[in-house]
Amino acid sequence: MFFCVVSCLHGGAVMRERLLKSLQDGNYVSGQALAECLGVSRAAVNKAINQLRADGYAIDAVPNRGYRLLSRPDLLTVAEAVPYLSTDALGRHWHHVREADSTNALARELAEAGAPDGLVVVAETQRAGRGRLGRAWSSPRGGIWFSLLLRPRLLPSAAAMLTLGAAVAAAEATEAVAGITCGIKWPNDLLVNGRKVAGILTEMSAELDQLNYIVLGVGLNANFAAALLPEGLLVRATTLIEEKGEKVSRAAWLGAFLNRCEFWRRLLETGARQRLISAWRGRSVTLGQSVTVTTPTARFSGRAVDIDSDGALVVETEDGARVRVADGDVTLRE
């Protein structure tokens, strides 16, 4: 039975996304029925069908029967992700490209142009992806490379807590969708069996007492062989398909991440930091370990003993002093 589906996307959905929803049950739907449902002409329906085919959707067309969706491509478009979303704001605006230099750079451009809270900027591959401290980030096809634009009701001093929340959300999404348990290395690297599977780069625009926006750039090594990573990373990085032995649904993972990220942001906006800190501590592979810390001005070793209410790492040095690390690189020592 054919049901006309109205998109749940805020701000209205483009016709092709509504068209996919109308075809998702696998039955033939006549062009006339689709045109009436969508409020467009038959020619417009046919044009949208051809655009979907060009994007990799297999759509059968039979005279006097109509159109039927046969298969969907593995793309992180809004149409693929929406079925997994239960958010109010995050993921309700979407910008998908096949390739970008950096999704963070593109998200910042859109933010400066007035893009709304919750915008997802996703690329199937990046030419110049970046990690923390200016490191290059390899972004082969099959990974999950995206940036999330947030305009939270928080002070700039709370930005670090959003980074911790994103790390917890990424771990929760990986556990829910892939069945793989992740540890978090301060502040936001995801590790599986001691090897890095994901990282988060946070950039923000702020004034002294006003947070304009935050861009959370997330890179997850999902459905590609670890051999595609740069040679120097092979002993330190892994991918979900290597760990699980089969592909995971990228759209389901991204939907789960956005759902949990919105949950943690809401808690932070109400001042409930301790619940997030407890969740982060429970997944930490840093606390209790010997670490080496490198900051812009110093390098020292010690034992990571806690994180404080602002998300900074507390390290007890070899002479017994406790040092608060708000920014820097932390290496786990054997």
C-alpha atoms as a PDB file:
ATOM      1  CA  MET A   1       0.000   0.000   0.000  1.00  0.00           C
ATOM      2  CA  PHE A   2       1.296   3.444  -0.904  1.00  0.00           C
ATOM      3  CA  PHE A   3       1.392   6.165   1.716  1.00  0.00           C
ATOM      4  CA  CYS A   4       2.326   9.750   0.953  1.00  0.00           C
ATOM      5  CA  VAL A   5       5.134  10.651   3.355  1.00  0.00           C
ATOM      6  CA  VAL A   6       5.743  14.176   4.570  1.00  0.00           C
ATOM      7  CA  SER A   7       9.338  14.820   5.561  1.00  0.00           C
ATOM      8  CA  CYS A   8      10.156  15.296   9.229  1.00  0.00           C
ATOM      9  CA  LEU A   9      13.059  17.622   8.388  1.00  0.00           C
ATOM     10  CA  HIS A  10      12.768  21.076   9.907  1.00  0.00           C
ATOM     11  CA  GLY A  11      12.534  23.814   7.326  1.00  0.00           C
ATOM     12  CA  GLY A  12      11.020  21.528   4.669  1.00  0.00           C
ATOM     13  CA  ALA A  13      12.628  18.677   2.749  1.00  0.00           C
ATOM     14  CA  VAL A  14      13.767  18.706  -0.808  1.00  0.00           C
ATOM     15  CA  MET A  15      11.566  16.663  -3.108  1.00  0.00           C
ATOM     16  CA  ARG A  16      14.040  13.846  -3.655  1.00  0.00           C
ATOM     17  CA  GLU A  17      14.162  13.083   0.065  1.00  0.00           C
ATOM     18  CA  ARG A  18      10.384  12.927   0.275  1.00  0.00           C
ATOM     19  CA  LEU A  19      10.377  10.840  -2.892  1.00  0.00           C
ATOM     20  CA  LEU A  20      12.708   8.271  -1.342  1.00  0.00           C
ATOM     21  CA  LYS A  21      10.482   8.013   1.713  1.00  0.00           C
ATOM     22  CA  SER A  22       7.476   7.413  -0.531  1.00  0.00           C
ATOM     23  CA  LEU A  23       9.309   4.561  -2.284  1.00  0.00           C
ATOM     24  CA  GLN A  24      10.883   2.963   0.764  1.00  0.00           C
ATOM     25  CA  ASP A  25       8.427   0.041   1.135  1.00  0.00           C
ATOM     26  CA  GLY A  26       9.706  -1.574  -2.090  1.00  0.00           C
ATOM     27  CA  ASN A  27       6.384  -1.526  -3.963  1.00  0.00           C
ATOM     28  CA  TYR A  28       5.651   0.106  -7.312  1.00  0.00           C
ATOM     29  CA  VAL A  29       4.185   3.589  -7.064  1.00  0.00           C
ATOM     30  CA  SER A  30       2.778   5.321 -10.128  1.00  0.00           C
ATOM     31  CA  GLY A  31       4.269   8.588 -11.302  1.00  0.00           C
ATOM     32  CA  GLN A  32       0.859  10.208 -11.042  1.00  0.00           C
ATOM     33  CA  ALA A  33       0.455   9.144  -7.407  1.00  0.00           C
ATOM     34  CA  LEU A  34       3.908  10.482  -6.578  1.00  0.00           C
ATOM     35  CA  ALA A  35       3.202  13.765  -8.364  1.00  0.00           C
ATOM     36  CA  GLU A  36      -0.050  14.244  -6.462  1.00  0.00           C
ATOM     37  CA  CYS A  37       1.569  13.307  -3.155  1.00  0.00           C
ATOM     38  CA  LEU A  38       4.471  15.693  -3.617  1.00  0.00           C
ATOM     39  CA  GLY A  39       2.448  18.457  -5.239  1.00  0.00           C
ATOM     40  CA  VAL A  40       4.590  18.608  -8.378  1.00  0.00           C
ATOM     41  CA  SER A  41       4.319  17.657 -12.037  1.00  0.00           C
ATOM     42  CA  ARG A  42       5.016  14.221 -13.538  1.00  0.00           C
ATOM     43  CA  ALA A  43       8.009  15.757 -15.297  1.00  0.00           C
ATOM     44  CA  ALA A  44       9.408  16.941 -11.967  1.00  0.00           C
ATOM     45  CA  VAL A  45       9.038  13.438 -10.526  1.00  0.00           C
ATOM     46  CA  ASN A  46      10.872  11.948 -13.501  1.00  0.00           C
ATOM     47  CA  LYS A  47      13.671  14.505 -13.142  1.00  0.00           C
ATOM     48  CA  ALA A  48      14.062  13.710  -9.445  1.00  0.00           C
ATOM     49  CA  ILE A  49      14.126   9.965 -10.219  1.00  0.00           C
ATOM     50  CA  ASN A  50      16.948  10.516 -12.706  1.00  0.00           C
ATOM     51  CA  GLN A  51      18.891  12.560 -10.143  1.00  0.00           C
ATOM     52  CA  LEU A  52      18.549   9.757  -7.610  1.00  0.00           C
ATOM     53  CA  ARG A  53      19.776   7.228 -10.153  1.00  0.00           C
ATOM     54  CA  ALA A  54      22.789   9.438 -10.848  1.00  0.00           C
ATOM     55  CA  ASP A  55      23.570   9.310  -7.115  1.00  0.00           C
ATOM     56  CA  GLY A  56      23.547   5.516  -7.127  1.00  0.00           C
ATOM     57  CA  TYR A  57      19.959   4.653  -6.196  1.00  0.00           C
ATOM     58  CA  ALA A  58      18.663   1.702  -8.239  1.00  0.00           C
ATOM     59  CA  ILE A  59      15.084   2.542  -9.237  1.00  0.00           C
ATOM     60  CA  ASP A  60      13.048   0.352 -11.566  1.00  0.00           C
ATOM     61  CA  ALA A  61      10.423   1.866 -13.873  1.00  0.00           C
ATOM     62  CA  VAL A  62       7.641  -0.212 -15.464  1.00  0.00           C
ATOM     63  CA  PRO A  63       4.919   1.250 -17.727  1.00  0.00           C
ATOM     64  CA  ASN A  64       1.478   1.286 -16.109  1.00  0.00           C
ATOM     65  CA  ARG A  65       2.997   0.278 -12.751  1.00  0.00           C
ATOM     66  CA  GLY A  66       5.332   3.103 -11.838  1.00  0.00           C
ATOM     67  CA  TYR A  67       8.589   3.251  -9.942  1.00  0.00           C
ATOM     68  CA  ARG A  68      10.129   0.886  -7.394  1.00  0.00           C
ATOM     69  CA  LEU A  69      13.243   1.394  -5.252  1.00  0.00           C
ATOM     70  CA  LEU A  70      15.550  -1.633  -5.624  1.00  0.00           C
ATOM     71  CA  SER A  71      18.641  -0.603  -3.647  1.00  0.00           C
ATOM     72  CA  ARG A  72      20.271   2.360  -1.969  1.00  0.00           C
ATOM     73  CA  PRO A  73      23.908   3.478  -2.219  1.00  0.00           C
ATOM     74  CA  ASP A  74      26.166   3.658   0.803  1.00  0.00           C
ATOM     75  CA  LEU A  75      26.074   7.448   1.059  1.00  0.00           C
ATOM     76  CA  LEU A  76      25.702   9.618   4.140  1.00  0.00           C
ATOM     77  CA  THR A  77      22.952  11.781   2.692  1.00  0.00           C
ATOM     78  CA  VAL A  78      20.135  13.177   4.790  1.00  0.00           C
ATOM     79  CA  ALA A  79      17.727  10.701   3.202  1.00  0.00           C
ATOM     80  CA  GLU A  80      19.819   7.787   4.496  1.00  0.00           C
ATOM     81  CA  ALA A  81      20.309   9.211   7.984  1.00  0.00           C
ATOM     82  CA  VAL A  82      16.841  10.558   8.792  1.00  0.00           C
ATOM     83  CA  PRO A  83      15.305   7.147   9.616  1.00  0.00           C
ATOM     84  CA  TYR A  84      17.790   6.839  12.494  1.00  0.00           C
ATOM     85  CA  LEU A  85      17.278  10.324  13.950  1.00  0.00           C
ATOM     86  CA  SER A  86      15.210  11.138  17.018  1.00  0.00           C
ATOM     87  CA  THR A  87      16.666  14.611  17.540  1.00  0.00           C
ATOM     88  CA  ASP A  88      14.990  17.996  17.667  1.00  0.00           C
ATOM     89  CA  ALA A  89      17.875  20.055  16.273  1.00  0.00           C
ATOM     90  CA  LEU A  90      20.962  18.009  15.468  1.00  0.00           C
ATOM     91  CA  GLY A  91      20.954  16.635  11.932  1.00  0.00           C
ATOM     92  CA  ARG A  92      17.808  18.498  10.896  1.00  0.00           C
ATOM     93  CA  HIS A  93      19.879  20.535   8.457  1.00  0.00           C
ATOM     94  CA  TRP A  94      22.323  18.716   6.214  1.00  0.00           C
ATOM     95  CA  HIS A  95      25.092  19.529   3.746  1.00  0.00           C
ATOM     96  CA  HIS A  96      26.463  16.476   1.914  1.00  0.00           C
ATOM     97  CA  VAL A  97      29.322  16.497  -0.583  1.00  0.00           C
ATOM     98  CA  ARG A  98      31.197  13.689  -2.285  1.00  0.00           C
ATOM     99  CA  GLU A  99      34.559  15.285  -1.490  1.00  0.00           C
ATOM    100  CA  ALA A 100      35.843  18.239   0.545  1.00  0.00           C
ATOM    101  CA  ASP A 101      39.184  19.606   1.588  1.00  0.00           C
ATOM    102  CA  SER A 102      37.971  19.596   5.196  1.00  0.00           C
ATOM    103  CA  THR A 103      34.447  19.353   6.589  1.00  0.00           C
ATOM    104  CA  ASN A 104      35.500  21.582   9.494  1.00  0.00           C
ATOM    105  CA  ALA A 105      36.632  24.328   7.122  1.00  0.00           C
ATOM    106  CA  LEU A 106      33.392  24.047   5.161  1.00  0.00           C
ATOM    107  CA  ALA A 107      31.303  24.070   8.354  1.00  0.00           C
ATOM    108  CA  ARG A 108      33.073  27.207   9.566  1.00  0.00           C
ATOM    109  CA  GLU A 109      32.319  28.954   6.276  1.00  0.00           C
ATOM    110  CA  LEU A 110      28.649  28.010   6.559  1.00  0.00           C
ATOM    111  CA  ALA A 111      28.580  29.075  10.219  1.00  0.00           C
ATOM    112  CA  GLU A 112      29.936  32.517   9.358  1.00  0.00           C
ATOM    113  CA  ALA A 113      27.236  32.782   6.690  1.00  0.00           C
ATOM    114  CA  GLY A 114      24.552  32.168   9.328  1.00  0.00           C
ATOM    115  CA  ALA A 115      23.984  28.396   9.078  1.00  0.00           C
ATOM    116  CA  PRO A 116      21.695  27.074  11.829  1.00  0.00           C
ATOM    117  CA  ASP A 117      22.412  25.131  14.971  1.00  0.00           C
ATOM    118  CA  GLY A 118      22.599  21.385  14.370  1.00  0.00           C
ATOM    119  CA  LEU A 119      23.869  21.539  10.783  1.00  0.00           C
ATOM    120  CA  VAL A 120      25.755  18.405   9.703  1.00  0.00           C
ATOM    121  CA  VAL A 121      28.434  18.817   7.043  1.00  0.00           C
ATOM    122  CA  VAL A 122      29.471  15.410   5.737  1.00  0.00           C
ATOM    123  CA  ALA A 123      31.888  14.330   3.012  1.00  0.00           C
ATOM    124  CA  GLU A 124      32.454  10.860   1.584  1.00  0.00           C
ATOM    125  CA  THR A 125      36.175  11.656   1.560  1.00  0.00           C
ATOM    126  CA  GLN A 126      38.439  14.552   2.504  1.00  0.00           C
ATOM    127  CA  ARG A 127      41.457  15.802   0.608  1.00  0.00           C
ATOM    128  CA  ALA A 128      43.009  17.625   3.553  1.00  0.00           C
ATOM    129  CA  GLY A 129      41.416  16.316   6.730  1.00  0.00           C
ATOM    130  CA  ARG A 130      42.938  17.546   9.979  1.00  0.00           C
ATOM    131  CA  GLY A 131      43.250  16.138  13.455  1.00  0.00           C
ATOM    132  CA  ARG A 132      44.228  17.802  16.719  1.00  0.00           C
ATOM    133  CA  LEU A 133      47.425  19.894  16.871  1.00  0.00           C
ATOM    134  CA  GLY A 134      47.416  20.352  13.102  1.00  0.00           C
ATOM    135  CA  ARG A 135      48.053  16.689  12.313  1.00  0.00           C
ATOM    136  CA  ALA A 136      46.962  15.352   8.927  1.00  0.00           C
ATOM    137  CA  TRP A 137      43.948  13.006   8.997  1.00  0.00           C
ATOM    138  CA  SER A 138      43.635  10.290   6.370  1.00  0.00           C
ATOM    139  CA  SER A 139      40.050  10.083   5.067  1.00  0.00           C
ATOM    140  CA  PRO A 140      39.496   7.159   2.636  1.00  0.00           C
ATOM    141  CA  ARG A 141      36.076   6.325   1.254  1.00  0.00           C
ATOM    142  CA  GLY A 142      34.098   4.163   3.623  1.00  0.00           C
ATOM    143  CA  GLY A 143      34.883   6.221   6.704  1.00  0.00           C
ATOM    144  CA  ILE A 144      32.578   8.668   8.467  1.00  0.00           C
ATOM    145  CA  TRP A 145      33.915  12.197   8.047  1.00  0.00           C
ATOM    146  CA  PHE A 146      31.665  15.014   9.202  1.00  0.00           C
ATOM    147  CA  SER A 147      31.413  18.224  11.188  1.00  0.00           C
ATOM    148  CA  LEU A 148      28.602  19.297  13.461  1.00  0.00           C
ATOM    149  CA  LEU A 149      27.771  22.977  13.914  1.00  0.00           C
ATOM    150  CA  LEU A 150      26.482  23.872  17.365  1.00  0.00           C
ATOM    151  CA  ARG A 151      25.232  27.159  18.750  1.00  0.00           C
ATOM    152  CA  PRO A 152      24.767  26.067  22.361  1.00  0.00           C
ATOM    153  CA  ARG A 153      23.526  28.108  25.289  1.00  0.00           C
ATOM    154  CA  LEU A 154      26.856  27.832  27.073  1.00  0.00           C
ATOM    155  CA  LEU A 155      29.761  30.052  28.071  1.00  0.00           C
ATOM    156  CA  PRO A 156      33.069  29.668  26.191  1.00  0.00           C
ATOM    157  CA  SER A 157      34.582  28.041  29.286  1.00  0.00           C
ATOM    158  CA  ALA A 158      32.192  25.096  28.824  1.00  0.00           C
ATOM    159  CA  ALA A 159      33.341  24.290  25.286  1.00  0.00           C
ATOM    160  CA  ALA A 160      35.658  21.537  26.507  1.00  0.00           C
ATOM    161  CA  MET A 161      32.700  19.745  28.057  1.00  0.00           C
ATOM    162  CA  LEU A 162      31.011  19.533  24.652  1.00  0.00           C
ATOM    163  CA  THR A 163      34.140  17.800  23.365  1.00  0.00           C
ATOM    164  CA  LEU A 164      33.894  15.242  26.155  1.00  0.00           C
ATOM    165  CA  GLY A 165      30.198  14.801  25.406  1.00  0.00           C
ATOM    166  CA  ALA A 166      30.945  14.158  21.739  1.00  0.00           C
ATOM    167  CA  ALA A 167      33.529  11.527  22.709  1.00  0.00           C
ATOM    168  CA  VAL A 168      31.029   9.745  24.941  1.00  0.00           C
ATOM    169  CA  ALA A 169      28.360   9.956  22.226  1.00  0.00           C
ATOM    170  CA  ALA A 170      30.770   8.451  19.688  1.00  0.00           C
ATOM    171  CA  ALA A 171      31.604   5.593  22.042  1.00  0.00           C
ATOM    172  CA  GLU A 172      27.910   4.970  22.722  1.00  0.00           C
ATOM    173  CA  ALA A 173      27.099   4.962  18.990  1.00  0.00           C
ATOM    174  CA  THR A 174      29.904   2.502  18.273  1.00  0.00           C
ATOM    175  CA  GLU A 175      28.738   0.181  21.018  1.00  0.00           C
ATOM    176  CA  ALA A 176      25.082   0.371  19.937  1.00  0.00           C
ATOM    177  CA  VAL A 177      25.572  -0.007  16.170  1.00  0.00           C
ATOM    178  CA  ALA A 178      28.741  -2.094  15.871  1.00  0.00           C
ATOM    179  CA  GLY A 179      28.675  -3.949  19.181  1.00  0.00           C
ATOM    180  CA  ILE A 180      32.260  -2.826  19.820  1.00  0.00           C
ATOM    181  CA  THR A 181      33.345  -1.427  23.191  1.00  0.00           C
ATOM    182  CA  CYS A 182      35.496   1.694  22.974  1.00  0.00           C
ATOM    183  CA  GLY A 183      37.787   3.391  25.436  1.00  0.00           C
ATOM    184  CA  ILE A 184      38.356   7.150  25.448  1.00  0.00           C
ATOM    185  CA  LYS A 185      41.854   8.615  25.625  1.00  0.00           C
ATOM    186  CA  TRP A 186      41.786  12.146  26.948  1.00  0.00           C
ATOM    187  CA  PRO A 187      40.229  14.209  25.704  1.00  0.00           C
ATOM    188  CA  ASN A 188      38.396  12.595  22.783  1.00  0.00           C
ATOM    189  CA  ASP A 189      40.243   9.807  20.957  1.00  0.00           C
ATOM    190  CA  LEU A 190      38.336   6.526  20.681  1.00  0.00           C
ATOM    191  CA  LEU A 191      40.421   3.378  21.102  1.00  0.00           C
ATOM    192  CA  VAL A 192      39.541  -0.240  20.364  1.00  0.00           C
ATOM    193  CA  ASN A 193      41.962  -2.798  21.773  1.00  0.00           C
ATOM    194  CA  GLY A 194      44.458  -0.009  22.282  1.00  0.00           C
ATOM    195  CA  ARG A 195      44.302   1.286  18.707  1.00  0.00           C
ATOM    196  CA  LYS A 196      42.695   4.527  17.555  1.00  0.00           C
ATOM    197  CA  VAL A 197      39.445   4.246  15.618  1.00  0.00           C
ATOM    198  CA  ALA A 198      38.123   7.804  15.851  1.00  0.00           C
ATOM    199  CA  GLY A 199      39.097  11.344  16.772  1.00  0.00           C
ATOM    200  CA  ILE A 200      37.348  14.656  17.338  1.00  0.00           C
ATOM    201  CA  LEU A 201      38.599  18.146  16.500  1.00  0.00           C
ATOM    202  CA  THR A 202      36.810  21.030  18.210  1.00  0.00           C
ATOM    203  CA  GLU A 203      37.011  24.586  16.874  1.00  0.00           C
ATOM    204  CA  MET A 204      35.010  27.559  18.089  1.00  0.00           C
ATOM    205  CA  SER A 205      34.217  31.211  17.572  1.00  0.00           C
ATOM    206  CA  ALA A 206      33.794  33.091  20.826  1.00  0.00           C
ATOM    207  CA  GLU A 207      34.121  36.397  22.582  1.00  0.00           C
ATOM    208  CA  LEU A 208      35.112  36.903  26.185  1.00  0.00           C
ATOM    209  CA  ASP A 209      31.715  35.961  27.596  1.00  0.00           C
ATOM    210  CA  GLN A 210      29.832  34.749  24.512  1.00  0.00           C
ATOM    211  CA  LEU A 211      30.080  31.540  22.534  1.00  0.00           C
ATOM    212  CA  ASN A 212      29.134  32.207  18.914  1.00  0.00           C
ATOM    213  CA  TYR A 213      29.420  28.648  17.630  1.00  0.00           C
ATOM    214  CA  ILE A 214      31.344  25.412  17.955  1.00  0.00           C
ATOM    215  CA  VAL A 215      32.327  23.064  15.133  1.00  0.00           C
ATOM    216  CA  LEU A 216      32.857  19.453  16.177  1.00  0.00           C
ATOM    217  CA  GLY A 217      34.798  17.600  13.494  1.00  0.00           C
ATOM    218  CA  VAL A 218      34.492  13.823  13.804  1.00  0.00           C
ATOM    219  CA  GLY A 219      36.488  11.228  11.920  1.00  0.00           C
ATOM    220  CA  LEU A 220      35.629   7.534  12.311  1.00  0.00           C
ATOM    221  CA  ASN A 221      37.537   4.744  10.595  1.00  0.00           C
ATOM    222  CA  ALA A 222      34.560   2.611   9.590  1.00  0.00           C
ATOM    223  CA  ASN A 223      34.256   0.485   6.459  1.00  0.00           C
ATOM    224  CA  PHE A 224      37.701   0.388   4.898  1.00  0.00           C
ATOM    225  CA  ALA A 225      40.754  -1.792   5.361  1.00  0.00           C
ATOM    226  CA  ALA A 226      43.348  -0.540   7.829  1.00  0.00           C
ATOM    227  CA  ALA A 227      45.935  -1.067   5.085  1.00  0.00           C
ATOM    228  CA  LEU A 228      44.581   2.101   3.433  1.00  0.00           C
ATOM    229  CA  LEU A 229      45.855   4.182   6.344  1.00  0.00           C
ATOM    230  CA  PRO A 230      49.306   5.780   6.112  1.00  0.00           C
ATOM    231  CA  GLU A 231      52.052   3.300   6.918  1.00  0.00           C
ATOM    232  CA  GLY A 232      53.068   5.100  10.086  1.00  0.00           C
ATOM    233  CA  LEU A 233      49.571   4.666  11.554  1.00  0.00           C
ATOM    234  CA  LEU A 234      49.099   0.942  10.976  1.00  0.00           C
ATOM    235  CA  VAL A 235      50.343  -0.140  14.399  1.00  0.00           C
ATOM    236  CA  ARG A 236      48.376   2.610  16.197  1.00  0.00           C
ATOM    237  CA  ALA A 237      45.056   2.745  14.320  1.00  0.00           C
ATOM    238  CA  THR A 238      42.287   0.371  13.324  1.00  0.00           C
ATOM    239  CA  THR A 239      38.877   0.400  11.622  1.00  0.00           C
ATOM    240  CA  LEU A 240      35.472  -0.915  12.622  1.00  0.00           C
ATOM    241  CA  ILE A 241      35.377  -3.410   9.756  1.00  0.00           C
ATOM    242  CA  GLU A 242      38.753  -4.805  10.857  1.00  0.00           C
ATOM    243  CA  GLU A 243      37.519  -5.223  14.428  1.00  0.00           C
ATOM    244  CA  LYS A 244      34.042  -6.525  13.648  1.00  0.00           C
ATOM    245  CA  GLY A 245      34.815  -8.538  10.510  1.00  0.00           C
ATOM    246  CA  GLU A 246      31.937  -6.983   8.571  1.00  0.00           C
ATOM    247  CA  LYS A 247      30.647  -3.584   7.509  1.00  0.00           C
ATOM    248  CA  VAL A 248      28.604  -1.446   9.857  1.00  0.00           C
ATOM    249  CA  SER A 249      25.785   0.875   8.818  1.00  0.00           C
ATOM    250  CA  ARG A 250      27.375   4.285   8.531  1.00  0.00           C
ATOM    251  CA  ALA A 251      23.998   6.018   8.460  1.00  0.00           C
ATOM    252  CA  ALA A 252      22.883   4.184  11.605  1.00  0.00           C
ATOM    253  CA  TRP A 253      26.120   5.127  13.373  1.00  0.00           C
ATOM    254  CA  LEU A 254      25.776   8.794  12.443  1.00  0.00           C
ATOM    255  CA  GLY A 255      22.140   8.842  13.538  1.00  0.00           C
ATOM    256  CA  ALA A 256      23.008   7.216  16.878  1.00  0.00           C
ATOM    257  CA  PHE A 257      25.835   9.694  17.432  1.00  0.00           C
ATOM    258  CA  LEU A 258      23.615  12.714  16.780  1.00  0.00           C
ATOM    259  CA  ASN A 259      20.910  11.359  19.085  1.00  0.00           C
ATOM    260  CA  ARG A 260      23.334  10.882  21.966  1.00  0.00           C
ATOM    261  CA  CYS A 261      25.207  14.127  21.292  1.00  0.00           C
ATOM    262  CA  GLU A 262      21.963  16.067  21.556  1.00  0.00           C
ATOM    263  CA  PHE A 263      21.200  14.265  24.831  1.00  0.00           C
ATOM    264  CA  TRP A 264      24.542  15.257  26.367  1.00  0.00           C
ATOM    265  CA  ARG A 265      24.306  18.826  25.110  1.00  0.00           C
ATOM    266  CA  ARG A 266      20.904  19.245  26.728  1.00  0.00           C
ATOM    267  CA  LEU A 267      22.303  18.035  30.039  1.00  0.00           C
ATOM    268  CA  LEU A 268      25.194  20.494  29.808  1.00  0.00           C
ATOM    269  CA  GLU A 269      22.826  23.361  29.024  1.00  0.00           C
ATOM    270  CA  THR A 270      20.926  22.584  32.232  1.00  0.00           C
ATOM    271  CA  GLY A 271      24.158  22.553  34.252  1.00  0.00           C
ATOM    272  CA  ALA A 272      24.277  18.781  34.840  1.00  0.00           C
ATOM    273  CA  ARG A 273      27.988  18.294  34.222  1.00  0.00           C
ATOM    274  CA  GLN A 274      28.606  15.534  36.723  1.00  0.00           C
ATOM    275  CA  ARG A 275      26.559  12.966  34.840  1.00  0.00           C
ATOM    276  CA  LEU A 276      28.670  13.533  31.716  1.00  0.00           C
ATOM    277  CA  ILE A 277      31.898  13.469  33.709  1.00  0.00           C
ATOM    278  CA  SER A 278      30.872  10.145  35.255  1.00  0.00           C
ATOM    279  CA  ALA A 279      30.071   8.694  31.817  1.00  0.00           C
ATOM    280  CA  TRP A 280      33.433   9.862  30.469  1.00  0.00           C
ATOM    281  CA  ARG A 281      35.322   8.471  33.474  1.00  0.00           C
ATOM    282  CA  GLY A 282      33.621   5.099  33.010  1.00  0.00           C
ATOM    283  CA  ARG A 283      35.080   4.790  29.488  1.00  0.00           C
ATOM    284  CA  SER A 284      38.446   6.399  30.139  1.00  0.00           C
ATOM    285  CA  VAL A 285      41.632   4.516  29.281  1.00  0.00           C
ATOM    286  CA  THR A 286      43.702   7.468  30.536  1.00  0.00           C
ATOM    287  CA  LEU A 287      42.791   7.755  34.212  1.00  0.00           C
ATOM    288  CA  GLY A 288      45.074   5.749  36.468  1.00  0.00           C
ATOM    289  CA  GLN A 289      47.710   5.410  33.751  1.00  0.00           C
ATOM    290  CA  SER A 290      51.234   6.752  33.459  1.00  0.00           C
ATOM    291  CA  VAL A 291      51.248   9.511  30.850  1.00  0.00           C
ATOM    292  CA  THR A 292      53.523  11.973  29.139  1.00  0.00           C
ATOM    293  CA  VAL A 293      52.007  15.409  28.587  1.00  0.00           C
ATOM    294  CA  THR A 294      53.198  17.834  25.931  1.00  0.00           C
ATOM    295  CA  THR A 295      51.810  21.369  26.029  1.00  0.00           C
ATOM    296  CA  PRO A 296      52.820  24.468  24.047  1.00  0.00           C
ATOM    297  CA  THR A 297      55.159  25.451  26.899  1.00  0.00           C
ATOM    298  CA  ALA A 298      56.200  22.261  28.711  1.00  0.00           C
ATOM    299  CA  ARG A 299      56.661  18.498  28.645  1.00  0.00           C
ATOM    300  CA  PHE A 300      56.354  16.307  31.736  1.00  0.00           C
ATOM    301  CA  SER A 301      55.352  12.840  32.930  1.00  0.00           C
ATOM    302  CA  GLY A 302      53.144  11.592  35.692  1.00  0.00           C
ATOM    303  CA  ARG A 303      49.956   9.682  36.462  1.00  0.00           C
ATOM    304  CA  ALA A 304      46.531  10.795  35.215  1.00  0.00           C
ATOM    305  CA  VAL A 305      44.329  10.865  38.304  1.00  0.00           C
ATOM    306  CA  ASP A 306      41.099  12.645  37.311  1.00  0.00           C
ATOM    307  CA  ILE A 307      39.320  15.226  35.167  1.00  0.00           C
ATOM    308  CA  ASP A 308      37.920  18.347  36.764  1.00  0.00           C
ATOM    309  CA  SER A 309      34.537  20.030  36.337  1.00  0.00           C
ATOM    310  CA  ASP A 310      35.770  21.871  33.224  1.00  0.00           C
ATOM    311  CA  GLY A 311      37.017  18.699  31.524  1.00  0.00           C
ATOM    312  CA  ALA A 312      40.715  19.359  32.153  1.00  0.00           C
ATOM    313  CA  LEU A 313      42.959  16.395  32.923  1.00  0.00           C
ATOM    314  CA  VAL A 314      44.560  16.304  36.355  1.00  0.00           C
ATOM    315  CA  VAL A 315      48.056  14.773  36.339  1.00  0.00           C
ATOM    316  CA  GLU A 316      50.084  13.943  39.425  1.00  0.00           C
ATOM    317  CA  THR A 317      53.733  14.446  38.562  1.00  0.00           C
ATOM    318  CA  GLU A 318      56.609  12.345  39.829  1.00  0.00           C
ATOM    319  CA  ASP A 319      57.351  14.892  42.577  1.00  0.00           C
ATOM    320  CA  GLY A 320      53.753  14.715  43.880  1.00  0.00           C
ATOM    321  CA  ALA A 321      52.460  17.984  42.409  1.00  0.00           C
ATOM    322  CA  ARG A 322      49.076  18.029  40.691  1.00  0.00           C
ATOM    323  CA  VAL A 323      48.958  19.782  37.331  1.00  0.00           C
ATOM    324  CA  ARG A 324      45.795  20.759  35.483  1.00  0.00           C
ATOM    325  CA  VAL A 325      46.058  20.096  31.726  1.00  0.00           C
ATOM    326  CA  ALA A 326      43.448  21.973  29.705  1.00  0.00           C
ATOM    327  CA  ASP A 327      45.167  21.715  26.339  1.00  0.00           C
ATOM    328  CA  GLY A 328      47.942  19.560  24.976  1.00  0.00           C
ATOM    329  CA  ASP A 329      48.901  16.101  23.832  1.00  0.00           C
ATOM    330  CA  VAL A 330      48.734  13.129  26.192  1.00  0.00           C
ATOM    331  CA  THR A 331      50.602   9.898  25.456  1.00  0.00           C
ATOM    332  CA  LEU A 332      49.962   6.706  27.395  1.00  0.00           C
ATOM    333  CA  ARG A 333      53.202   5.182  28.671  1.00  0.00           C
ATOM    334  CA  GLU A 334      53.960   1.478  28.945  1.00  0.00           C
END
